[in-house]
Amino acid sequence: QAQLVESGGGLVQPGGSLRLSCAAPTTIFSGHFMGWDRQAPGKQREMVASIDTVGKSIYADSVKGRFAISRDNANNAVYLQMNDLQPGGTAVYYCKSHLLTSHYWGQGTRVAVSS
């Protein structure tokens, strides 16, 4: 069974930074769009960032200029660099792989932004 494994979450103060990592099996990484979604307490899951196979990325308006998504095609990994985190960034962050009608998510990693 395909599995995405996230890491890098934790507690950070407002204004701080975190880098999330996601390891993926080749079967759902190669040729796939990769991305990050998040779900804050009491809210619906939302797209944070997505990146295609050649590195073109899109971001939610709420994170533009602060977050950066990247992928390492040689190592089947995708990253999310999060800078200037604010309390609104508190959520479970999920790594995502998608291609056509196939979607996969990891188990998530928790990020808490608090002083």
PDB file of N, CA and C in Angstrom:
ATOM      1  N   GLN A   1       0.850  -1.190   0.000  1.00  0.00           N
ATOM      2  CA  GLN A   1       0.000   0.000   0.000  1.00  0.00           C
ATOM      3  C   GLN A   1       0.881   1.234   0.000  1.00  0.00           C
ATOM      4  N   ALA A   2       0.550   2.164  -0.883  1.00  0.00           N
ATOM      5  CA  ALA A   2       1.338   3.379  -0.973  1.00  0.00           C
ATOM      6  C   ALA A   2       1.246   4.149   0.331  1.00  0.00           C
ATOM      7  N   GLN A   3       2.388   4.730   0.732  1.00  0.00           N
ATOM      8  CA  GLN A   3       2.397   5.430   2.007  1.00  0.00           C
ATOM      9  C   GLN A   3       3.266   6.669   1.926  1.00  0.00           C
ATOM     10  N   LEU A   4       2.696   7.783   2.354  1.00  0.00           N
ATOM     11  CA  LEU A   4       3.437   9.028   2.478  1.00  0.00           C
ATOM     12  C   LEU A   4       3.740   9.230   3.955  1.00  0.00           C
ATOM     13  N   VAL A   5       4.952   9.601   4.263  1.00  0.00           N
ATOM     14  CA  VAL A   5       5.379   9.752   5.651  1.00  0.00           C
ATOM     15  C   VAL A   5       5.899  11.165   5.869  1.00  0.00           C
ATOM     16  N   GLU A   6       5.176  11.904   6.711  1.00  0.00           N
ATOM     17  CA  GLU A   6       5.569  13.275   7.015  1.00  0.00           C
ATOM     18  C   GLU A   6       6.419  13.335   8.281  1.00  0.00           C
ATOM     19  N   SER A   7       7.217  14.375   8.369  1.00  0.00           N
ATOM     20  CA  SER A   7       7.991  14.648   9.575  1.00  0.00           C
ATOM     21  C   SER A   7       8.285  16.140   9.642  1.00  0.00           C
ATOM     22  N   GLY A   8       8.708  16.590  10.823  1.00  0.00           N
ATOM     23  CA  GLY A   8       9.140  17.971  10.956  1.00  0.00           C
ATOM     24  C   GLY A   8       8.201  18.893  11.702  1.00  0.00           C
ATOM     25  N   GLY A   9       7.033  18.391  12.084  1.00  0.00           N
ATOM     26  CA  GLY A   9       6.117  19.246  12.826  1.00  0.00           C
ATOM     27  C   GLY A   9       6.601  19.489  14.244  1.00  0.00           C
ATOM     28  N   GLY A  10       5.890  20.368  14.939  1.00  0.00           N
ATOM     29  CA  GLY A  10       6.256  20.663  16.318  1.00  0.00           C
ATOM     30  C   GLY A  10       5.655  21.971  16.784  1.00  0.00           C
ATOM     31  N   LEU A  11       6.163  22.433  17.896  1.00  0.00           N
ATOM     32  CA  LEU A  11       5.706  23.698  18.497  1.00  0.00           C
ATOM     33  C   LEU A  11       6.694  24.803  18.137  1.00  0.00           C
ATOM     34  N   VAL A  12       6.178  25.910  17.688  1.00  0.00           N
ATOM     35  CA  VAL A  12       7.029  27.034  17.310  1.00  0.00           C
ATOM     36  C   VAL A  12       6.354  28.324  17.763  1.00  0.00           C
ATOM     37  N   GLN A  13       7.158  29.298  18.101  1.00  0.00           N
ATOM     38  CA  GLN A  13       6.615  30.591  18.505  1.00  0.00           C
ATOM     39  C   GLN A  13       6.198  31.395  17.277  1.00  0.00           C
ATOM     40  N   PRO A  14       5.269  32.319  17.441  1.00  0.00           N
ATOM     41  CA  PRO A  14       4.899  33.200  16.320  1.00  0.00           C
ATOM     42  C   PRO A  14       6.133  33.884  15.738  1.00  0.00           C
ATOM     43  N   GLY A  15       6.191  33.898  14.409  1.00  0.00           N
ATOM     44  CA  GLY A  15       7.348  34.453  13.724  1.00  0.00           C
ATOM     45  C   GLY A  15       8.436  33.445  13.445  1.00  0.00           C
ATOM     46  N   GLY A  16       8.298  32.255  13.990  1.00  0.00           N
ATOM     47  CA  GLY A  16       9.306  31.226  13.809  1.00  0.00           C
ATOM     48  C   GLY A  16       9.150  30.464  12.508  1.00  0.00           C
ATOM     49  N   SER A  17      10.028  29.490  12.315  1.00  0.00           N
ATOM     50  CA  SER A  17      10.065  28.707  11.081  1.00  0.00           C
ATOM     51  C   SER A  17      10.086  27.222  11.386  1.00  0.00           C
ATOM     52  N   LEU A  18       9.554  26.463  10.463  1.00  0.00           N
ATOM     53  CA  LEU A  18       9.634  25.008  10.492  1.00  0.00           C
ATOM     54  C   LEU A  18       9.789  24.509   9.067  1.00  0.00           C
ATOM     55  N   ARG A  19      10.393  23.346   8.932  1.00  0.00           N
ATOM     56  CA  ARG A  19      10.508  22.708   7.625  1.00  0.00           C
ATOM     57  C   ARG A  19       9.909  21.322   7.720  1.00  0.00           C
ATOM     58  N   LEU A  20       8.863  21.095   6.964  1.00  0.00           N
ATOM     59  CA  LEU A  20       8.225  19.785   6.915  1.00  0.00           C
ATOM     60  C   LEU A  20       8.824  18.969   5.780  1.00  0.00           C
ATOM     61  N   SER A  21       8.924  17.674   6.011  1.00  0.00           N
ATOM     62  CA  SER A  21       9.435  16.762   5.001  1.00  0.00           C
ATOM     63  C   SER A  21       8.437  15.640   4.767  1.00  0.00           C
ATOM     64  N   CYS A  22       8.459  15.114   3.564  1.00  0.00           N
ATOM     65  CA  CYS A  22       7.576  13.997   3.228  1.00  0.00           C
ATOM     66  C   CYS A  22       8.351  13.028   2.344  1.00  0.00           C
ATOM     67  N   ALA A  23       8.355  11.777   2.755  1.00  0.00           N
ATOM     68  CA  ALA A  23       8.966  10.721   1.953  1.00  0.00           C
ATOM     69  C   ALA A  23       7.872   9.914   1.278  1.00  0.00           C
ATOM     70  N   ALA A  24       8.078   9.622   0.007  1.00  0.00           N
ATOM     71  CA  ALA A  24       7.051   8.922  -0.763  1.00  0.00           C
ATOM     72  C   ALA A  24       7.646   7.746  -1.523  1.00  0.00           C
ATOM     73  N   PRO A  25       6.878   6.700  -1.709  1.00  0.00           N
ATOM     74  CA  PRO A  25       7.336   5.622  -2.586  1.00  0.00           C
ATOM     75  C   PRO A  25       7.309   6.094  -4.034  1.00  0.00           C
ATOM     76  N   THR A  26       8.168   5.518  -4.834  1.00  0.00           N
ATOM     77  CA  THR A  26       8.275   5.937  -6.233  1.00  0.00           C
ATOM     78  C   THR A  26       6.950   5.846  -6.972  1.00  0.00           C
ATOM     79  N   THR A  27       6.156   4.852  -6.628  1.00  0.00           N
ATOM     80  CA  THR A  27       4.900   4.613  -7.341  1.00  0.00           C
ATOM     81  C   THR A  27       3.933   5.784  -7.259  1.00  0.00           C
ATOM     82  N   ILE A  28       4.006   6.581  -6.200  1.00  0.00           N
ATOM     83  CA  ILE A  28       3.100   7.734  -6.090  1.00  0.00           C
ATOM     84  C   ILE A  28       3.864   9.047  -6.003  1.00  0.00           C
ATOM     85  N   PHE A  29       5.119   9.012  -6.405  1.00  0.00           N
ATOM     86  CA  PHE A  29       5.897  10.252  -6.454  1.00  0.00           C
ATOM     87  C   PHE A  29       6.259  10.601  -7.898  1.00  0.00           C
ATOM     88  N   SER A  30       6.858   9.668  -8.562  1.00  0.00           N
ATOM     89  CA  SER A  30       7.301   9.918  -9.932  1.00  0.00           C
ATOM     90  C   SER A  30       6.114  10.240 -10.821  1.00  0.00           C
ATOM     91  N   GLY A  31       6.193  11.378 -11.492  1.00  0.00           N
ATOM     92  CA  GLY A  31       5.133  11.774 -12.401  1.00  0.00           C
ATOM     93  C   GLY A  31       3.901  12.350 -11.752  1.00  0.00           C
ATOM     94  N   HIS A  32       3.905  12.457 -10.430  1.00  0.00           N
ATOM     95  CA  HIS A  32       2.752  12.944  -9.689  1.00  0.00           C
ATOM     96  C   HIS A  32       2.938  14.391  -9.220  1.00  0.00           C
ATOM     97  N   PHE A  33       1.832  15.099  -9.124  1.00  0.00           N
ATOM     98  CA  PHE A  33       1.831  16.348  -8.393  1.00  0.00           C
ATOM     99  C   PHE A  33       1.986  16.013  -6.909  1.00  0.00           C
ATOM    100  N   MET A  34       2.761  16.807  -6.222  1.00  0.00           N
ATOM    101  CA  MET A  34       2.916  16.646  -4.776  1.00  0.00           C
ATOM    102  C   MET A  34       2.493  17.938  -4.083  1.00  0.00           C
ATOM    103  N   GLY A  35       2.050  17.814  -2.859  1.00  0.00           N
ATOM    104  CA  GLY A  35       1.605  19.018  -2.182  1.00  0.00           C
ATOM    105  C   GLY A  35       1.408  18.836  -0.703  1.00  0.00           C
ATOM    106  N   TRP A  36       0.944  19.898  -0.093  1.00  0.00           N
ATOM    107  CA  TRP A  36       0.625  19.903   1.334  1.00  0.00           C
ATOM    108  C   TRP A  36      -0.757  20.505   1.534  1.00  0.00           C
ATOM    109  N   ASP A  37      -1.557  19.820   2.305  1.00  0.00           N
ATOM    110  CA  ASP A  37      -2.829  20.332   2.784  1.00  0.00           C
ATOM    111  C   ASP A  37      -2.702  20.515   4.295  1.00  0.00           C
ATOM    112  N   ARG A  38      -3.623  21.235   4.875  1.00  0.00           N
ATOM    113  CA  ARG A  38      -3.658  21.337   6.331  1.00  0.00           C
ATOM    114  C   ARG A  38      -5.088  21.412   6.810  1.00  0.00           C
ATOM    115  N   GLN A  39      -5.257  20.992   8.062  1.00  0.00           N
ATOM    116  CA  GLN A  39      -6.574  21.067   8.683  1.00  0.00           C
ATOM    117  C   GLN A  39      -6.414  21.639  10.080  1.00  0.00           C
ATOM    118  N   ALA A  40      -6.936  22.830  10.260  1.00  0.00           N
ATOM    119  CA  ALA A  40      -6.905  23.477  11.573  1.00  0.00           C
ATOM    120  C   ALA A  40      -8.054  22.958  12.427  1.00  0.00           C
ATOM    121  N   PRO A  41      -7.940  23.048  13.733  1.00  0.00           N
ATOM    122  CA  PRO A  41      -9.012  22.578  14.625  1.00  0.00           C
ATOM    123  C   PRO A  41     -10.352  23.217  14.278  1.00  0.00           C
ATOM    124  N   GLY A  42     -11.354  22.390  14.070  1.00  0.00           N
ATOM    125  CA  GLY A  42     -12.686  22.883  13.783  1.00  0.00           C
ATOM    126  C   GLY A  42     -12.893  23.413  12.385  1.00  0.00           C
ATOM    127  N   LYS A  43     -11.921  23.244  11.512  1.00  0.00           N
ATOM    128  CA  LYS A  43     -12.037  23.764  10.153  1.00  0.00           C
ATOM    129  C   LYS A  43     -11.872  22.653   9.133  1.00  0.00           C
ATOM    130  N   GLN A  44     -12.258  22.963   7.904  1.00  0.00           N
ATOM    131  CA  GLN A  44     -12.097  21.998   6.829  1.00  0.00           C
ATOM    132  C   GLN A  44     -10.642  21.951   6.352  1.00  0.00           C
ATOM    133  N   ARG A  45     -10.284  20.831   5.779  1.00  0.00           N
ATOM    134  CA  ARG A  45      -8.947  20.700   5.212  1.00  0.00           C
ATOM    135  C   ARG A  45      -8.824  21.641   4.023  1.00  0.00           C
ATOM    136  N   GLU A  46      -7.659  22.272   3.896  1.00  0.00           N
ATOM    137  CA  GLU A  46      -7.427  23.209   2.798  1.00  0.00           C
ATOM    138  C   GLU A  46      -6.072  22.966   2.152  1.00  0.00           C
ATOM    139  N   MET A  47      -5.979  23.330   0.898  1.00  0.00           N
ATOM    140  CA  MET A  47      -4.708  23.226   0.183  1.00  0.00           C
ATOM    141  C   MET A  47      -3.776  24.321   0.664  1.00  0.00           C
ATOM    142  N   VAL A  48      -2.540  23.973   0.907  1.00  0.00           N
ATOM    143  CA  VAL A  48      -1.513  24.946   1.279  1.00  0.00           C
ATOM    144  C   VAL A  48      -0.610  25.240   0.091  1.00  0.00           C
ATOM    145  N   ALA A  49      -0.085  24.198  -0.517  1.00  0.00           N
ATOM    146  CA  ALA A  49       0.839  24.372  -1.633  1.00  0.00           C
ATOM    147  C   ALA A  49       0.874  23.098  -2.457  1.00  0.00           C
ATOM    148  N   SER A  50       1.195  23.270  -3.733  1.00  0.00           N
ATOM    149  CA  SER A  50       1.300  22.132  -4.631  1.00  0.00           C
ATOM    150  C   SER A  50       2.428  22.395  -5.612  1.00  0.00           C
ATOM    151  N   ILE A  51       3.077  21.312  -6.057  1.00  0.00           N
ATOM    152  CA  ILE A  51       4.193  21.451  -6.988  1.00  0.00           C
ATOM    153  C   ILE A  51       4.112  20.353  -8.033  1.00  0.00           C
ATOM    154  N   ASP A  52       4.368  20.720  -9.296  1.00  0.00           N
ATOM    155  CA  ASP A  52       4.303  19.714 -10.350  1.00  0.00           C
ATOM    156  C   ASP A  52       5.666  19.051 -10.531  1.00  0.00           C
ATOM    157  N   THR A  53       5.761  18.209 -11.533  1.00  0.00           N
ATOM    158  CA  THR A  53       6.962  17.397 -11.688  1.00  0.00           C
ATOM    159  C   THR A  53       8.192  18.197 -12.099  1.00  0.00           C
ATOM    160  N   VAL A  54       7.983  19.397 -12.638  1.00  0.00           N
ATOM    161  CA  VAL A  54       9.125  20.207 -13.069  1.00  0.00           C
ATOM    162  C   VAL A  54       9.358  21.399 -12.136  1.00  0.00           C
ATOM    163  N   GLY A  55       8.648  21.440 -11.022  1.00  0.00           N
ATOM    164  CA  GLY A  55       8.922  22.444 -10.019  1.00  0.00           C
ATOM    165  C   GLY A  55       8.022  23.663 -10.010  1.00  0.00           C
ATOM    166  N   LYS A  56       7.024  23.677 -10.868  1.00  0.00           N
ATOM    167  CA  LYS A  56       6.095  24.799 -10.841  1.00  0.00           C
ATOM    168  C   LYS A  56       5.170  24.649  -9.643  1.00  0.00           C
ATOM    169  N   SER A  57       5.009  25.718  -8.873  1.00  0.00           N
ATOM    170  CA  SER A  57       4.272  25.624  -7.612  1.00  0.00           C
ATOM    171  C   SER A  57       3.146  26.643  -7.543  1.00  0.00           C
ATOM    172  N   ILE A  58       2.156  26.310  -6.741  1.00  0.00           N
ATOM    173  CA  ILE A  58       1.066  27.224  -6.417  1.00  0.00           C
ATOM    174  C   ILE A  58       0.859  27.204  -4.910  1.00  0.00           C
ATOM    175  N   TYR A  59       0.316  28.310  -4.398  1.00  0.00           N
ATOM    176  CA  TYR A  59       0.142  28.460  -2.953  1.00  0.00           C
ATOM    177  C   TYR A  59      -1.230  29.039  -2.623  1.00  0.00           C
ATOM    178  N   ALA A  60      -1.705  28.697  -1.443  1.00  0.00           N
ATOM    179  CA  ALA A  60      -2.867  29.384  -0.915  1.00  0.00           C
ATOM    180  C   ALA A  60      -2.488  30.837  -0.657  1.00  0.00           C
ATOM    181  N   ASP A  61      -3.435  31.735  -0.853  1.00  0.00           N
ATOM    182  CA  ASP A  61      -3.156  33.160  -0.647  1.00  0.00           C
ATOM    183  C   ASP A  61      -2.629  33.442   0.757  1.00  0.00           C
ATOM    184  N   SER A  62      -3.091  32.686   1.720  1.00  0.00           N
ATOM    185  CA  SER A  62      -2.741  32.951   3.116  1.00  0.00           C
ATOM    186  C   SER A  62      -1.281  32.654   3.434  1.00  0.00           C
ATOM    187  N   VAL A  63      -0.587  31.919   2.563  1.00  0.00           N
ATOM    188  CA  VAL A  63       0.799  31.560   2.854  1.00  0.00           C
ATOM    189  C   VAL A  63       1.786  32.092   1.828  1.00  0.00           C
ATOM    190  N   LYS A  64       1.292  32.744   0.784  1.00  0.00           N
ATOM    191  CA  LYS A  64       2.188  33.269  -0.257  1.00  0.00           C
ATOM    192  C   LYS A  64       3.214  34.218   0.348  1.00  0.00           C
ATOM    193  N   GLY A  65       4.441  34.035  -0.059  1.00  0.00           N
ATOM    194  CA  GLY A  65       5.520  34.873   0.420  1.00  0.00           C
ATOM    195  C   GLY A  65       6.149  34.401   1.723  1.00  0.00           C
ATOM    196  N   ARG A  66       5.509  33.437   2.378  1.00  0.00           N
ATOM    197  CA  ARG A  66       6.050  32.934   3.652  1.00  0.00           C
ATOM    198  C   ARG A  66       6.416  31.456   3.575  1.00  0.00           C
ATOM    199  N   PHE A  67       5.690  30.698   2.783  1.00  0.00           N
ATOM    200  CA  PHE A  67       5.930  29.260   2.648  1.00  0.00           C
ATOM    201  C   PHE A  67       6.558  28.971   1.291  1.00  0.00           C
ATOM    202  N   ALA A  68       7.358  27.924   1.234  1.00  0.00           N
ATOM    203  CA  ALA A  68       7.956  27.503  -0.029  1.00  0.00           C
ATOM    204  C   ALA A  68       7.947  25.980  -0.108  1.00  0.00           C
ATOM    205  N   ILE A  69       7.399  25.471  -1.200  1.00  0.00           N
ATOM    206  CA  ILE A  69       7.371  24.030  -1.420  1.00  0.00           C
ATOM    207  C   ILE A  69       8.472  23.664  -2.402  1.00  0.00           C
ATOM    208  N   SER A  70       9.088  22.521  -2.186  1.00  0.00           N
ATOM    209  CA  SER A  70      10.111  22.034  -3.104  1.00  0.00           C
ATOM    210  C   SER A  70      10.055  20.512  -3.144  1.00  0.00           C
ATOM    211  N   ARG A  71      10.660  19.947  -4.176  1.00  0.00           N
ATOM    212  CA  ARG A  71      10.691  18.497  -4.281  1.00  0.00           C
ATOM    213  C   ARG A  71      12.065  18.045  -4.720  1.00  0.00           C
ATOM    214  N   ASP A  72      12.452  16.874  -4.256  1.00  0.00           N
ATOM    215  CA  ASP A  72      13.721  16.246  -4.615  1.00  0.00           C
ATOM    216  C   ASP A  72      13.374  14.982  -5.372  1.00  0.00           C
ATOM    217  N   ASN A  73      13.405  15.062  -6.686  1.00  0.00           N
ATOM    218  CA  ASN A  73      12.980  13.931  -7.506  1.00  0.00           C
ATOM    219  C   ASN A  73      13.937  12.742  -7.404  1.00  0.00           C
ATOM    220  N   ALA A  74      15.170  12.993  -7.046  1.00  0.00           N
ATOM    221  CA  ALA A  74      16.130  11.894  -6.925  1.00  0.00           C
ATOM    222  C   ALA A  74      15.881  11.050  -5.680  1.00  0.00           C
ATOM    223  N   ASN A  75      15.278  11.682  -4.664  1.00  0.00           N
ATOM    224  CA  ASN A  75      15.067  10.996  -3.395  1.00  0.00           C
ATOM    225  C   ASN A  75      13.595  10.847  -3.013  1.00  0.00           C
ATOM    226  N   ASN A  76      12.707  11.110  -3.960  1.00  0.00           N
ATOM    227  CA  ASN A  76      11.267  10.946  -3.719  1.00  0.00           C
ATOM    228  C   ASN A  76      10.813  11.681  -2.466  1.00  0.00           C
ATOM    229  N   ALA A  77      11.181  12.951  -2.384  1.00  0.00           N
ATOM    230  CA  ALA A  77      10.842  13.717  -1.191  1.00  0.00           C
ATOM    231  C   ALA A  77      10.255  15.068  -1.583  1.00  0.00           C
ATOM    232  N   VAL A  78       9.404  15.572  -0.736  1.00  0.00           N
ATOM    233  CA  VAL A  78       8.840  16.902  -0.916  1.00  0.00           C
ATOM    234  C   VAL A  78       8.933  17.626   0.419  1.00  0.00           C
ATOM    235  N   TYR A  79       9.153  18.923   0.336  1.00  0.00           N
ATOM    236  CA  TYR A  79       9.387  19.717   1.542  1.00  0.00           C
ATOM    237  C   TYR A  79       8.473  20.936   1.559  1.00  0.00           C
ATOM    238  N   LEU A  80       8.225  21.426   2.755  1.00  0.00           N
ATOM    239  CA  LEU A  80       7.501  22.681   2.918  1.00  0.00           C
ATOM    240  C   LEU A  80       8.254  23.522   3.944  1.00  0.00           C
ATOM    241  N   GLN A  81       8.886  24.569   3.458  1.00  0.00           N
ATOM    242  CA  GLN A  81       9.550  25.517   4.345  1.00  0.00           C
ATOM    243  C   GLN A  81       8.534  26.571   4.757  1.00  0.00           C
ATOM    244  N   MET A  82       8.332  26.692   6.047  1.00  0.00           N
ATOM    245  CA  MET A  82       7.333  27.622   6.570  1.00  0.00           C
ATOM    246  C   MET A  82       8.031  28.674   7.406  1.00  0.00           C
ATOM    247  N   ASN A  83       7.940  29.902   6.954  1.00  0.00           N
ATOM    248  CA  ASN A  83       8.555  31.023   7.660  1.00  0.00           C
ATOM    249  C   ASN A  83       7.480  31.963   8.195  1.00  0.00           C
ATOM    250  N   ASP A  84       7.853  32.736   9.188  1.00  0.00           N
ATOM    251  CA  ASP A  84       6.932  33.706   9.791  1.00  0.00           C
ATOM    252  C   ASP A  84       5.589  33.049  10.136  1.00  0.00           C
ATOM    253  N   LEU A  85       5.683  31.930  10.816  1.00  0.00           N
ATOM    254  CA  LEU A  85       4.462  31.234  11.203  1.00  0.00           C
ATOM    255  C   LEU A  85       3.672  32.060  12.205  1.00  0.00           C
ATOM    256  N   GLN A  86       2.372  32.013  12.031  1.00  0.00           N
ATOM    257  CA  GLN A  86       1.446  32.732  12.898  1.00  0.00           C
ATOM    258  C   GLN A  86       0.478  31.733  13.530  1.00  0.00           C
ATOM    259  N   PRO A  87      -0.224  32.121  14.579  1.00  0.00           N
ATOM    260  CA  PRO A  87      -1.155  31.189  15.232  1.00  0.00           C
ATOM    261  C   PRO A  87      -2.157  30.556  14.264  1.00  0.00           C
ATOM    262  N   GLY A  88      -2.508  31.258  13.206  1.00  0.00           N
ATOM    263  CA  GLY A  88      -3.400  30.679  12.208  1.00  0.00           C
ATOM    264  C   GLY A  88      -2.804  29.495  11.465  1.00  0.00           C
ATOM    265  N   GLY A  89      -1.528  29.299  11.617  1.00  0.00           N
ATOM    266  CA  GLY A  89      -0.865  28.167  10.994  1.00  0.00           C
ATOM    267  C   GLY A  89      -0.935  26.887  11.806  1.00  0.00           C
ATOM    268  N   THR A  90      -1.529  26.972  12.979  1.00  0.00           N
ATOM    269  CA  THR A  90      -1.708  25.785  13.806  1.00  0.00           C
ATOM    270  C   THR A  90      -2.661  24.822  13.116  1.00  0.00           C
ATOM    271  N   ALA A  91      -2.175  23.622  12.830  1.00  0.00           N
ATOM    272  CA  ALA A  91      -2.976  22.659  12.078  1.00  0.00           C
ATOM    273  C   ALA A  91      -2.220  21.345  11.987  1.00  0.00           C
ATOM    274  N   VAL A  92      -2.905  20.344  11.505  1.00  0.00           N
ATOM    275  CA  VAL A  92      -2.237  19.118  11.084  1.00  0.00           C
ATOM    276  C   VAL A  92      -1.943  19.270   9.594  1.00  0.00           C
ATOM    277  N   TYR A  93      -0.701  19.073   9.219  1.00  0.00           N
ATOM    278  CA  TYR A  93      -0.279  19.228   7.843  1.00  0.00           C
ATOM    279  C   TYR A  93      -0.121  17.847   7.209  1.00  0.00           C
ATOM    280  N   TYR A  94      -0.743  17.690   6.050  1.00  0.00           N
ATOM    281  CA  TYR A  94      -0.747  16.416   5.359  1.00  0.00           C
ATOM    282  C   TYR A  94      -0.002  16.522   4.033  1.00  0.00           C
ATOM    283  N   CYS A  95       0.884  15.598   3.807  1.00  0.00           N
ATOM    284  CA  CYS A  95       1.524  15.475   2.506  1.00  0.00           C
ATOM    285  C   CYS A  95       0.547  14.823   1.537  1.00  0.00           C
ATOM    286  N   LYS A  96       0.560  15.264   0.314  1.00  0.00           N
ATOM    287  CA  LYS A  96      -0.415  14.783  -0.661  1.00  0.00           C
ATOM    288  C   LYS A  96       0.274  14.451  -1.976  1.00  0.00           C
ATOM    289  N   SER A  97      -0.188  13.376  -2.589  1.00  0.00           N
ATOM    290  CA  SER A  97       0.223  13.007  -3.940  1.00  0.00           C
ATOM    291  C   SER A  97      -1.033  12.886  -4.790  1.00  0.00           C
ATOM    292  N   HIS A  98      -1.001  13.448  -5.990  1.00  0.00           N
ATOM    293  CA  HIS A  98      -2.184  13.287  -6.839  1.00  0.00           C
ATOM    294  C   HIS A  98      -1.827  13.288  -8.311  1.00  0.00           C
ATOM    295  N   LEU A  99      -2.592  12.483  -9.025  1.00  0.00           N
ATOM    296  CA  LEU A  99      -2.455  12.380 -10.471  1.00  0.00           C
ATOM    297  C   LEU A  99      -3.792  11.938 -11.024  1.00  0.00           C
ATOM    298  N   LEU A 100      -4.378  12.754 -11.864  1.00  0.00           N
ATOM    299  CA  LEU A 100      -5.708  12.490 -12.420  1.00  0.00           C
ATOM    300  C   LEU A 100      -6.684  12.273 -11.262  1.00  0.00           C
ATOM    301  N   THR A 101      -7.279  11.113 -11.176  1.00  0.00           N
ATOM    302  CA  THR A 101      -8.284  10.872 -10.138  1.00  0.00           C
ATOM    303  C   THR A 101      -7.721  10.175  -8.908  1.00  0.00           C
ATOM    304  N   SER A 102      -6.440   9.928  -8.879  1.00  0.00           N
ATOM    305  CA  SER A 102      -5.812   9.251  -7.741  1.00  0.00           C
ATOM    306  C   SER A 102      -5.239  10.270  -6.769  1.00  0.00           C
ATOM    307  N   HIS A 103      -5.618  10.130  -5.508  1.00  0.00           N
ATOM    308  CA  HIS A 103      -5.128  11.020  -4.462  1.00  0.00           C
ATOM    309  C   HIS A 103      -4.667  10.185  -3.282  1.00  0.00           C
ATOM    310  N   TYR A 104      -3.560  10.579  -2.689  1.00  0.00           N
ATOM    311  CA  TYR A 104      -3.038   9.908  -1.501  1.00  0.00           C
ATOM    312  C   TYR A 104      -2.621  10.976  -0.482  1.00  0.00           C
ATOM    313  N   TRP A 105      -2.851  10.674   0.768  1.00  0.00           N
ATOM    314  CA  TRP A 105      -2.416  11.550   1.851  1.00  0.00           C
ATOM    315  C   TRP A 105      -1.668  10.742   2.907  1.00  0.00           C
ATOM    316  N   GLY A 106      -0.752  11.396   3.577  1.00  0.00           N
ATOM    317  CA  GLY A 106      -0.078  10.780   4.707  1.00  0.00           C
ATOM    318  C   GLY A 106      -0.919  10.898   5.961  1.00  0.00           C
ATOM    319  N   GLN A 107      -0.343  10.487   7.089  1.00  0.00           N
ATOM    320  CA  GLN A 107      -1.051  10.520   8.361  1.00  0.00           C
ATOM    321  C   GLN A 107      -1.042  11.907   8.992  1.00  0.00           C
ATOM    322  N   GLY A 108      -0.191  12.767   8.509  1.00  0.00           N
ATOM    323  CA  GLY A 108      -0.154  14.135   8.998  1.00  0.00           C
ATOM    324  C   GLY A 108       0.894  14.368  10.067  1.00  0.00           C
ATOM    325  N   THR A 109       1.326  15.613  10.160  1.00  0.00           N
ATOM    326  CA  THR A 109       2.241  16.030  11.212  1.00  0.00           C
ATOM    327  C   THR A 109       1.689  17.325  11.812  1.00  0.00           C
ATOM    328  N   ARG A 110       1.709  17.394  13.140  1.00  0.00           N
ATOM    329  CA  ARG A 110       1.089  18.526  13.821  1.00  0.00           C
ATOM    330  C   ARG A 110       2.039  19.709  13.939  1.00  0.00           C
ATOM    331  N   VAL A 111       1.490  20.861  13.655  1.00  0.00           N
ATOM    332  CA  VAL A 111       2.222  22.113  13.831  1.00  0.00           C
ATOM    333  C   VAL A 111       1.407  22.994  14.766  1.00  0.00           C
ATOM    334  N   ALA A 112       2.045  23.461  15.810  1.00  0.00           N
ATOM    335  CA  ALA A 112       1.380  24.356  16.759  1.00  0.00           C
ATOM    336  C   ALA A 112       2.188  25.640  16.846  1.00  0.00           C
ATOM    337  N   VAL A 113       1.511  26.759  16.650  1.00  0.00           N
ATOM    338  CA  VAL A 113       2.170  28.065  16.717  1.00  0.00           C
ATOM    339  C   VAL A 113       1.612  28.804  17.925  1.00  0.00           C
ATOM    340  N   SER A 114       2.452  28.959  18.911  1.00  0.00           N
ATOM    341  CA  SER A 114       1.996  29.552  20.161  1.00  0.00           C
ATOM    342  C   SER A 114       3.163  30.118  20.945  1.00  0.00           C
ATOM    343  N   SER A 115       2.885  31.173  21.679  1.00  0.00           N
ATOM    344  CA  SER A 115       3.915  31.752  22.544  1.00  0.00           C
ATOM    345  C   SER A 115       3.793  31.203  23.968  1.00  0.00           C
TER     346      SER A 115
END
